[in-house]
Protein backbone atom coordinates (compact mmCIF):
# COMPACT_ATOMS: atom_id res chain seq x y z
CA MET A 1 -42.79 -17.36 -105.05
CA LYS A 2 -45.39 -20.08 -105.76
CA ALA A 3 -49.01 -18.93 -105.90
CA MET A 4 -52.42 -20.15 -107.07
CA VAL A 5 -53.41 -17.80 -109.89
CA TYR A 6 -56.83 -17.23 -111.46
CA HIS A 7 -56.93 -16.60 -115.23
CA ALA A 8 -60.52 -17.28 -116.27
CA ALA A 9 -63.48 -19.50 -115.42
CA ASN A 10 -62.21 -23.04 -114.87
CA ASP A 11 -58.63 -21.89 -115.35
CA ILE A 12 -56.48 -21.58 -112.22
CA ARG A 13 -52.82 -22.54 -112.10
CA LEU A 14 -49.99 -22.88 -109.61
CA GLU A 15 -47.41 -20.44 -110.94
CA GLU A 16 -44.34 -18.41 -110.04
CA LYS A 17 -45.19 -14.82 -109.10
CA PRO A 18 -43.08 -11.93 -107.74
CA LYS A 19 -42.89 -11.67 -103.96
CA PRO A 20 -45.20 -8.83 -102.81
CA GLN A 21 -43.79 -5.52 -101.60
CA ILE A 22 -45.03 -2.81 -99.24
CA ILE A 23 -47.18 -0.34 -101.22
CA ASP A 24 -48.90 1.75 -98.54
CA PRO A 25 -47.42 2.69 -95.15
CA THR A 26 -50.20 0.73 -93.39
CA ASP A 27 -49.27 -2.53 -95.19
CA ALA A 28 -47.47 -5.61 -93.96
CA VAL A 29 -45.92 -8.47 -95.90
CA VAL A 30 -46.58 -11.84 -94.28
CA ARG A 31 -44.90 -15.17 -94.99
CA ILE A 32 -47.67 -17.73 -95.12
CA VAL A 33 -47.30 -20.64 -92.69
CA LYS A 34 -50.67 -22.26 -93.38
CA THR A 35 -53.62 -21.38 -95.59
CA THR A 36 -56.79 -23.07 -96.83
CA ILE A 37 -59.44 -23.05 -99.56
CA CYS A 38 -62.90 -21.53 -99.14
CA GLY A 39 -66.09 -22.23 -101.04
CA THR A 40 -65.82 -18.66 -102.30
CA ASP A 41 -62.53 -19.59 -103.97
CA LEU A 42 -64.32 -22.45 -105.72
CA GLY A 43 -66.96 -19.99 -106.89
CA ILE A 44 -64.28 -17.76 -108.44
CA TRP A 45 -62.69 -20.79 -110.11
CA LYS A 46 -66.07 -21.74 -111.60
CA GLY A 47 -66.59 -18.23 -113.00
CA LYS A 48 -69.09 -16.96 -110.45
CA ASN A 49 -67.14 -13.70 -110.09
CA PRO A 50 -66.19 -12.46 -113.56
CA GLU A 51 -64.99 -9.19 -112.02
CA VAL A 52 -61.90 -11.00 -110.68
CA ALA A 53 -58.91 -9.96 -112.77
CA ASP A 54 -56.80 -12.31 -114.85
CA GLY A 55 -53.64 -12.99 -112.83
CA ARG A 56 -55.19 -12.59 -109.39
CA ILE A 57 -53.74 -14.76 -106.61
CA LEU A 58 -56.60 -16.49 -104.77
CA GLY A 59 -57.23 -17.00 -101.07
CA HIS A 60 -58.31 -14.91 -98.08
CA GLU A 61 -57.46 -17.09 -95.08
CA GLY A 62 -54.15 -17.77 -93.44
CA VAL A 63 -51.71 -17.85 -90.56
CA GLY A 64 -48.25 -16.45 -91.08
CA ILE A 65 -45.14 -14.67 -89.84
CA VAL A 66 -44.77 -10.93 -90.44
CA GLU A 67 -41.78 -10.26 -92.73
CA GLU A 68 -42.01 -6.51 -93.15
CA VAL A 69 -44.26 -3.65 -92.05
CA GLY A 70 -44.94 -0.21 -93.47
CA ALA A 71 -43.85 2.98 -91.74
CA ALA A 72 -47.32 3.67 -90.28
CA VAL A 73 -47.81 0.21 -88.71
CA LYS A 74 -47.63 0.51 -84.91
CA ASN A 75 -49.06 -2.63 -83.31
CA ILE A 76 -47.66 -5.37 -85.56
CA LYS A 77 -43.93 -5.99 -85.92
CA LYS A 78 -41.57 -8.18 -87.89
CA GLY A 79 -41.50 -11.72 -86.53
CA ASP A 80 -45.05 -11.71 -85.11
CA LYS A 81 -47.14 -14.80 -85.82
CA VAL A 82 -50.57 -13.59 -86.93
CA ILE A 83 -54.01 -14.64 -88.11
CA ILE A 84 -54.86 -12.97 -91.43
CA SER A 85 -58.46 -11.80 -91.32
CA CYS A 86 -60.54 -12.36 -94.45
CA VAL A 87 -61.78 -8.78 -94.05
CA SER A 88 -59.39 -5.82 -94.38
CA LYS A 89 -60.56 -2.79 -92.44
CA CYS A 90 -59.32 0.78 -92.41
CA CYS A 91 -61.23 1.63 -89.19
CA SER A 92 -61.65 5.24 -90.33
CA CYS A 93 -64.45 5.26 -92.94
CA ASP A 94 -68.15 5.69 -92.10
CA ASN A 95 -68.92 1.99 -92.39
CA CYS A 96 -65.98 0.96 -90.21
CA LYS A 97 -67.13 3.42 -87.55
CA LYS A 98 -70.38 1.41 -87.42
CA GLN A 99 -68.36 -1.86 -87.21
CA LEU A 100 -69.63 -2.71 -90.68
CA TYR A 101 -66.14 -3.79 -91.63
CA SER A 102 -67.28 -6.04 -94.46
CA HIS A 103 -68.30 -2.84 -96.26
CA CYS A 104 -65.17 -0.84 -95.44
CA ARG A 105 -64.84 1.85 -98.11
CA ASN A 106 -61.13 1.10 -98.46
CA GLY A 107 -61.06 -2.63 -97.76
CA GLY A 108 -63.65 -5.26 -96.89
CA TRP A 109 -63.31 -8.63 -98.59
CA ILE A 110 -60.53 -7.77 -101.03
CA LEU A 111 -57.88 -10.45 -100.41
CA GLY A 112 -57.98 -13.01 -103.20
CA TYR A 113 -60.69 -10.98 -104.90
CA MET A 114 -59.69 -7.39 -105.67
CA ILE A 115 -56.05 -7.77 -104.56
CA ASP A 116 -53.70 -10.75 -104.40
CA GLY A 117 -54.51 -13.24 -101.68
CA THR A 118 -53.10 -15.82 -99.32
CA GLN A 119 -52.70 -18.95 -101.45
CA ALA A 120 -49.05 -18.12 -101.95
CA GLU A 121 -45.78 -18.15 -100.08
CA TYR A 122 -46.19 -14.46 -99.18
CA VAL A 123 -49.07 -11.96 -99.09
CA ARG A 124 -49.34 -8.19 -98.75
CA THR A 125 -51.99 -7.32 -96.18
CA PRO A 126 -53.51 -3.81 -96.11
CA PHE A 127 -54.30 -2.04 -92.82
CA ALA A 128 -52.05 -4.42 -90.91
CA ASP A 129 -52.78 -2.96 -87.47
CA ASN A 130 -56.51 -3.62 -87.90
CA SER A 131 -56.52 -6.74 -90.09
CA LEU A 132 -53.81 -8.94 -88.55
CA ILE A 133 -54.44 -10.60 -85.19
CA PRO A 134 -51.43 -11.64 -83.07
CA LEU A 135 -51.57 -15.37 -82.36
CA PRO A 136 -50.91 -16.53 -78.78
CA GLU A 137 -48.49 -19.41 -78.37
CA ASN A 138 -51.13 -21.60 -76.72
CA VAL A 139 -53.40 -21.63 -79.81
CA ASP A 140 -52.65 -24.20 -82.50
CA ASP A 141 -51.92 -22.88 -86.00
CA GLU A 142 -54.60 -25.03 -87.56
CA ILE A 143 -57.31 -23.94 -85.14
CA ALA A 144 -56.22 -20.35 -85.74
CA LEU A 145 -56.66 -20.90 -89.46
CA LEU A 146 -60.39 -21.39 -88.84
CA LEU A 147 -60.48 -17.92 -87.28
CA SER A 148 -59.56 -16.27 -90.58
CA ASP A 149 -63.08 -16.75 -91.92
CA VAL A 150 -65.20 -19.81 -91.21
CA LEU A 151 -65.69 -19.45 -87.44
CA PRO A 152 -66.32 -15.66 -87.43
CA THR A 153 -68.69 -16.07 -90.41
CA GLY A 154 -70.70 -18.81 -88.73
CA HIS A 155 -70.74 -16.95 -85.43
CA GLU A 156 -71.55 -13.44 -86.60
CA ILE A 157 -73.90 -14.03 -89.53
CA GLY A 158 -75.46 -17.24 -88.23
CA VAL A 159 -75.44 -17.25 -84.44
CA GLN A 160 -75.38 -13.54 -83.58
CA TYR A 161 -77.69 -12.40 -86.36
CA GLY A 162 -79.94 -15.36 -85.51
CA ASP A 163 -80.03 -14.13 -81.89
CA VAL A 164 -79.34 -17.58 -80.48
CA LYS A 165 -79.97 -17.57 -76.71
CA PRO A 166 -79.74 -20.10 -73.88
CA GLY A 167 -82.41 -22.75 -74.26
CA ASP A 168 -83.19 -21.94 -77.90
CA THR A 169 -83.88 -24.52 -80.57
CA VAL A 170 -81.68 -24.13 -83.65
CA PHE A 171 -81.86 -25.65 -87.13
CA ILE A 172 -78.82 -25.46 -89.41
CA ALA A 173 -79.36 -26.20 -93.11
CA GLY A 174 -76.01 -27.37 -94.41
CA ALA A 175 -73.07 -29.14 -92.75
CA GLY A 176 -70.30 -27.66 -94.86
CA PRO A 177 -67.49 -25.61 -93.29
CA VAL A 178 -69.68 -22.57 -92.58
CA GLY A 179 -72.52 -24.71 -91.23
CA MET A 180 -70.00 -26.40 -88.93
CA GLY A 181 -68.77 -22.96 -87.92
CA VAL A 182 -72.34 -22.13 -86.91
CA LEU A 183 -72.66 -25.42 -85.04
CA VAL A 184 -69.55 -25.06 -82.89
CA THR A 185 -69.97 -21.36 -82.10
CA ALA A 186 -73.70 -21.71 -81.32
CA GLN A 187 -72.71 -23.89 -78.39
CA PHE A 188 -71.15 -20.88 -76.65
CA TYR A 189 -74.76 -19.68 -76.12
CA SER A 190 -76.17 -22.95 -74.68
CA PRO A 191 -79.10 -23.69 -76.99
CA SER A 192 -81.15 -26.71 -75.90
CA VAL A 193 -81.40 -28.29 -79.37
CA ILE A 194 -79.15 -28.01 -82.44
CA ILE A 195 -80.42 -29.87 -85.51
CA VAL A 196 -78.08 -30.15 -88.50
CA CYS A 197 -79.40 -31.08 -91.94
CA ASP A 198 -77.30 -32.31 -94.87
CA MET A 199 -77.30 -34.90 -97.67
CA ASP A 200 -73.81 -36.14 -96.75
CA GLU A 201 -73.85 -38.84 -94.05
CA ASN A 202 -70.14 -38.32 -93.31
CA ARG A 203 -70.78 -34.66 -92.56
CA LEU A 204 -73.76 -35.53 -90.39
CA LYS A 205 -71.56 -37.94 -88.43
CA MET A 206 -69.03 -35.14 -87.93
CA ALA A 207 -71.81 -32.78 -86.87
CA LYS A 208 -72.85 -35.19 -84.12
CA ALA A 209 -69.24 -35.44 -82.97
CA LEU A 210 -69.01 -31.63 -82.88
CA GLY A 211 -72.10 -31.18 -80.74
CA ALA A 212 -75.28 -31.48 -82.80
CA THR A 213 -78.11 -32.93 -80.75
CA HIS A 214 -79.89 -34.25 -83.85
CA THR A 215 -79.10 -34.73 -87.54
CA ILE A 216 -81.42 -35.09 -90.52
CA ASN A 217 -80.80 -36.29 -94.06
CA PRO A 218 -83.40 -34.84 -96.49
CA SER A 219 -83.36 -38.12 -98.42
CA ASP A 220 -85.10 -39.73 -95.43
CA GLY A 221 -88.30 -37.70 -95.81
CA ASP A 222 -90.01 -34.39 -95.00
CA VAL A 223 -87.43 -32.29 -93.14
CA ALA A 224 -89.93 -29.86 -91.58
CA ALA A 225 -92.01 -32.74 -90.23
CA LYS A 226 -88.91 -34.35 -88.72
CA VAL A 227 -87.83 -31.06 -87.12
CA LYS A 228 -91.28 -30.47 -85.64
CA ALA A 229 -91.29 -34.01 -84.25
CA ILE A 230 -88.19 -32.99 -82.27
CA VAL A 231 -89.07 -29.45 -81.15
CA GLY A 232 -92.87 -29.30 -81.43
CA GLU A 233 -95.32 -28.08 -84.03
CA ASP A 234 -94.40 -24.41 -83.59
CA GLY A 235 -90.95 -25.02 -85.08
CA VAL A 236 -87.51 -23.71 -84.13
CA ASP A 237 -86.46 -20.42 -82.59
CA CYS A 238 -83.72 -19.95 -85.16
CA ALA A 239 -83.26 -21.43 -88.65
CA ILE A 240 -79.85 -20.83 -90.19
CA GLU A 241 -79.40 -21.24 -93.95
CA ALA A 242 -75.77 -22.19 -94.61
CA VAL A 243 -75.76 -23.51 -98.18
CA GLY A 244 -77.02 -20.82 -100.55
CA VAL A 245 -79.56 -22.73 -102.66
CA PRO A 246 -83.35 -22.35 -102.98
CA ALA A 247 -84.11 -25.71 -101.34
CA THR A 248 -82.41 -24.88 -98.04
CA TRP A 249 -83.96 -21.40 -97.95
CA ALA A 250 -87.36 -23.06 -98.40
CA MET A 251 -86.61 -25.41 -95.50
CA CYS A 252 -85.86 -22.52 -93.18
CA GLN A 253 -89.09 -20.73 -94.12
CA ASP A 254 -91.06 -23.91 -93.35
CA MET A 255 -89.86 -24.52 -89.82
CA VAL A 256 -89.25 -21.24 -88.00
CA LYS A 257 -91.72 -20.36 -85.25
CA ALA A 258 -93.56 -17.09 -84.72
CA GLY A 259 -91.18 -14.49 -83.29
CA GLY A 260 -88.20 -16.48 -84.53
CA HIS A 261 -85.21 -15.73 -86.71
CA ILE A 262 -83.99 -16.84 -90.12
CA ALA A 263 -80.30 -16.07 -90.58
CA VAL A 264 -78.96 -16.43 -94.11
CA VAL A 265 -75.25 -17.28 -94.18
CA GLY A 266 -75.14 -19.14 -97.50
CA VAL A 267 -73.93 -17.36 -100.63
CA HIS A 268 -76.91 -17.30 -103.00
CA GLY A 269 -76.43 -17.13 -106.75
CA LYS A 270 -80.01 -17.72 -107.88
CA PRO A 271 -83.40 -16.18 -107.01
CA VAL A 272 -85.48 -17.86 -104.29
CA ASP A 273 -89.18 -17.84 -103.48
CA PHE A 274 -89.88 -15.57 -100.53
CA ASN A 275 -93.27 -16.77 -99.25
CA LEU A 276 -94.29 -13.49 -97.69
CA GLU A 277 -97.97 -14.47 -97.87
CA ARG A 278 -97.20 -17.03 -95.13
CA LEU A 279 -94.45 -15.22 -93.28
CA TRP A 280 -95.79 -11.69 -92.85
CA ILE A 281 -97.89 -12.69 -89.86
CA LYS A 282 -95.12 -14.47 -87.95
CA ASN A 283 -93.16 -11.49 -86.55
CA LEU A 284 -89.92 -12.86 -87.93
CA ALA A 285 -86.46 -11.33 -88.13
CA ILE A 286 -84.73 -12.29 -91.37
CA THR A 287 -81.06 -11.34 -91.69
CA THR A 288 -78.33 -11.61 -94.30
CA GLY A 289 -74.73 -10.54 -94.30
CA LEU A 290 -71.03 -10.81 -94.97
CA VAL A 291 -68.70 -11.40 -92.04
CA ASN A 292 -67.38 -8.27 -90.33
CA SER A 293 -64.71 -10.14 -88.31
CA ASN A 294 -65.52 -8.00 -85.28
CA THR A 295 -65.70 -11.07 -83.00
CA THR A 296 -62.48 -12.79 -84.04
CA GLU A 297 -60.55 -11.80 -80.92
CA MET A 298 -63.41 -12.94 -78.69
CA LEU A 299 -63.58 -16.28 -80.50
CA LEU A 300 -59.80 -16.64 -80.16
CA LYS A 301 -60.22 -16.48 -76.39
CA ALA A 302 -63.27 -18.75 -76.38
CA ILE A 303 -61.75 -21.58 -78.39
CA SER A 304 -58.66 -21.67 -76.18
CA THR A 305 -60.84 -22.99 -73.33
CA SER A 306 -63.50 -24.85 -75.34
CA PRO A 307 -63.78 -28.66 -75.05
CA VAL A 308 -64.79 -28.86 -78.74
CA ASP A 309 -62.20 -30.50 -81.02
CA PHE A 310 -62.12 -27.85 -83.73
CA THR A 311 -59.38 -29.72 -85.62
CA ALA A 312 -61.99 -32.33 -86.63
CA MET A 313 -63.07 -29.82 -89.29
CA LEU A 314 -59.60 -30.02 -90.88
CA THR A 315 -59.82 -33.23 -92.85
CA HIS A 316 -56.99 -33.02 -95.42
CA ARG A 317 -53.46 -31.64 -95.41
CA PHE A 318 -51.25 -30.72 -98.36
CA LYS A 319 -48.05 -28.87 -99.08
CA LEU A 320 -48.53 -25.47 -100.70
CA SER A 321 -46.87 -26.93 -103.79
CA GLU A 322 -49.81 -29.39 -103.98
CA LEU A 323 -52.46 -26.66 -104.29
CA GLU A 324 -53.86 -28.00 -107.54
CA GLU A 325 -54.45 -31.43 -105.99
CA ALA A 326 -55.96 -29.76 -102.90
CA TYR A 327 -58.43 -27.83 -105.07
CA ASP A 328 -59.49 -31.04 -106.80
CA VAL A 329 -60.09 -32.75 -103.45
CA PHE A 330 -62.05 -29.78 -102.10
CA LYS A 331 -64.07 -29.41 -105.31
CA HIS A 332 -65.16 -33.05 -104.94
CA ALA A 333 -65.63 -32.84 -101.19
CA ALA A 334 -68.40 -35.43 -100.90
CA GLU A 335 -66.43 -38.15 -102.69
CA ASN A 336 -63.30 -37.35 -100.68
CA GLY A 337 -64.89 -36.77 -97.28
CA ALA A 338 -63.37 -33.27 -97.27
CA MET A 339 -64.39 -30.43 -94.97
CA LYS A 340 -61.47 -27.98 -94.75
CA VAL A 341 -58.03 -28.57 -96.25
CA VAL A 342 -54.81 -27.29 -94.71
CA LEU A 343 -52.04 -26.07 -97.01
CA VAL A 344 -48.60 -25.89 -95.42
CA ASN A 345 -45.89 -23.63 -96.76
CA GLU A 346 -42.72 -25.71 -96.35
């Protein structure tokens, strides 16, 4: 089968690999219908995760058709169309019993990282009963693809951890795929104001189309001052950091009100300044996290009745055989106007 294979930093290749087989009785083998590329995949490509083994197939998102199931699989059967969750969960370890599935002792985020992933014609998925979600016929494949990772991540780590409530004011630093996931899922909770901040005018235009009440480009001046001109001098109820760089963390510290929340969704690779001398007095809740995918089924129901056009986030489409071109487009997202790419296994 064709697969996108990591070899070393800045060295990934579309290659022929053996079709995966059932290893454990809780496994399934899924034929990929559609998959996509995540910013985490770009990080692996760039060498951010040296622990990834030479020869690893990348990818942790996908929609597919079940080809084969292990002897212990009870709820998933051959022929089912399924969403492949980015988090594999055994549902029996101590962390799973607390719904901390991202830290499952036997799974967690392993697809495309510790085991072969979804950027291939086929993938072996561990704990199939718990980690594959049957896809109803009335939900489009491409919308379902967003439920593998980006929408649950934005919802759980941004919106839920940020405790967004009806009438709240929300600031989102970053209008990439995860920031957009925060934006669209925050609307399920009816905040009064959603401000999206990004350097890319095309992404800000998309944010407005997807429901942002206001957008800000940092190149236009002091972001905190502009936010406070919208919501008042106290600042926002919830500031959500969705980039993973010191500058956006600093923004969120500057504009959250007393008793508010800062929810960190962005993947940080460098130290940041934590201005505790200013924040200690503000009774803040500051949260971090990796998606647990414990709200995927709820989101699946919610998006089936939502008026939001989630497909607007899917800006480019390629054949699976064009993975190398797709990576180049996604790597240079600003120049190409890319948000999420769809890869079709034809």
